[in-house]
């Protein structure tokens, strides 16, 4: 089942996203990601992440999200995980 992981960066994270980006990309490469990428603020700067992940359970999605190097480094202010049923664009 697809799960949407919506994560917003801490406003005081500074360059933490840039410093941990290569670890994050290596980590997510080992999973069945349907699509994903950085969220952008009004000025075009990265301010969060959106990932749609194919896993069997919500627990697996939670484990994925909590083990992401971005999360381990403390980049995110808030993370939400929601099941998703693709209807449009499929």
Protein backbone atom coordinates (compact mmCIF):
# COMPACT_ATOMS: atom_id res chain seq x y z
CA UNK A 1 0.00 0.00 0.00
CA UNK A 2 1.31 3.47 -0.74
CA UNK A 3 2.03 5.80 2.16
CA UNK A 4 2.68 9.51 1.87
CA UNK A 5 5.43 10.86 4.10
CA UNK A 6 5.19 14.63 4.42
CA UNK A 7 8.05 16.15 6.41
CA UNK A 8 8.75 19.82 7.12
CA UNK A 9 12.22 21.04 8.02
CA UNK A 10 12.95 22.86 11.28
CA UNK A 11 13.27 26.58 10.66
CA UNK A 12 16.59 26.59 12.53
CA UNK A 13 18.08 23.60 10.66
CA UNK A 14 20.53 25.75 8.69
CA UNK A 15 22.52 23.65 6.23
CA UNK A 16 21.67 20.30 7.89
CA UNK A 17 19.70 19.19 4.79
CA UNK A 18 22.70 19.86 2.53
CA UNK A 19 25.13 18.09 4.88
CA UNK A 20 23.01 14.93 5.13
CA UNK A 21 21.62 14.83 1.58
CA UNK A 22 24.01 12.18 0.21
CA UNK A 23 23.24 9.83 3.13
CA UNK A 24 19.50 10.43 2.65
CA UNK A 25 19.66 9.67 -1.09
CA UNK A 26 21.66 6.49 -0.50
CA UNK A 27 19.12 5.38 2.13
CA UNK A 28 15.98 5.99 0.07
CA UNK A 29 17.56 4.22 -2.91
CA UNK A 30 17.05 0.93 -1.08
CA UNK A 31 13.25 1.21 -0.97
CA UNK A 32 10.29 1.08 -3.34
CA UNK A 33 9.70 4.82 -3.72
CA UNK A 34 6.85 5.61 -6.10
CA UNK A 35 7.91 9.25 -6.23
CA UNK A 36 9.34 11.89 -4.01
CA UNK A 37 11.44 14.99 -3.71
CA UNK A 38 12.03 18.17 -1.75
CA UNK A 39 9.28 20.60 -0.88
CA UNK A 40 10.04 24.21 -1.80
CA UNK A 41 9.16 27.44 -0.05
CA UNK A 42 7.93 30.53 -1.93
CA UNK A 43 11.53 31.51 -2.72
CA UNK A 44 12.36 28.09 -4.18
CA UNK A 45 14.47 26.93 -1.22
CA UNK A 46 14.09 23.36 0.04
CA UNK A 47 11.94 23.28 3.17
CA UNK A 48 10.82 19.67 3.54
CA UNK A 49 10.33 16.34 1.83
CA UNK A 50 7.46 14.46 0.23
CA UNK A 51 7.84 10.74 -0.40
CA UNK A 52 5.27 8.23 -1.58
CA UNK A 53 6.51 4.85 -0.43
CA UNK A 54 5.17 1.41 -1.30
CA UNK A 55 5.24 -0.82 1.81
CA UNK A 56 2.96 -3.45 3.32
CA UNK A 57 2.13 -1.72 6.60
CA UNK A 58 1.98 1.66 8.29
CA UNK A 59 4.57 0.36 10.75
CA UNK A 60 6.98 -0.22 7.85
CA UNK A 61 6.37 3.35 6.65
CA UNK A 62 7.00 4.66 10.19
CA UNK A 63 10.24 2.65 10.43
CA UNK A 64 11.35 3.98 7.03
CA UNK A 65 10.65 7.56 8.08
CA UNK A 66 12.31 7.33 11.50
CA UNK A 67 15.45 5.70 10.05
CA UNK A 68 15.89 8.24 7.24
CA UNK A 69 19.22 10.03 7.82
CA UNK A 70 17.37 13.36 7.65
CA UNK A 71 15.18 12.29 10.57
CA UNK A 72 18.09 10.78 12.50
CA UNK A 73 19.99 14.07 12.13
CA UNK A 74 17.00 16.01 13.51
CA UNK A 75 16.17 17.92 10.32
CA UNK A 76 12.39 17.70 10.57
CA UNK A 77 10.06 19.79 12.69
CA UNK A 78 7.05 17.68 11.77
CA UNK A 79 6.46 14.41 9.95
CA UNK A 80 3.06 13.01 8.97
CA UNK A 81 2.43 9.58 7.46
CA UNK A 82 -0.82 8.90 5.66
CA UNK A 83 -2.08 5.95 3.64
CA UNK A 84 -2.81 6.79 0.02
CA UNK A 85 -5.13 5.43 -2.66
CA UNK A 86 -3.98 6.49 -6.13
CA UNK A 87 -6.91 7.42 -8.37
CA UNK A 88 -5.77 10.20 -10.69
CA UNK A 89 -2.72 10.02 -12.92
CA UNK A 90 -2.45 6.27 -12.69
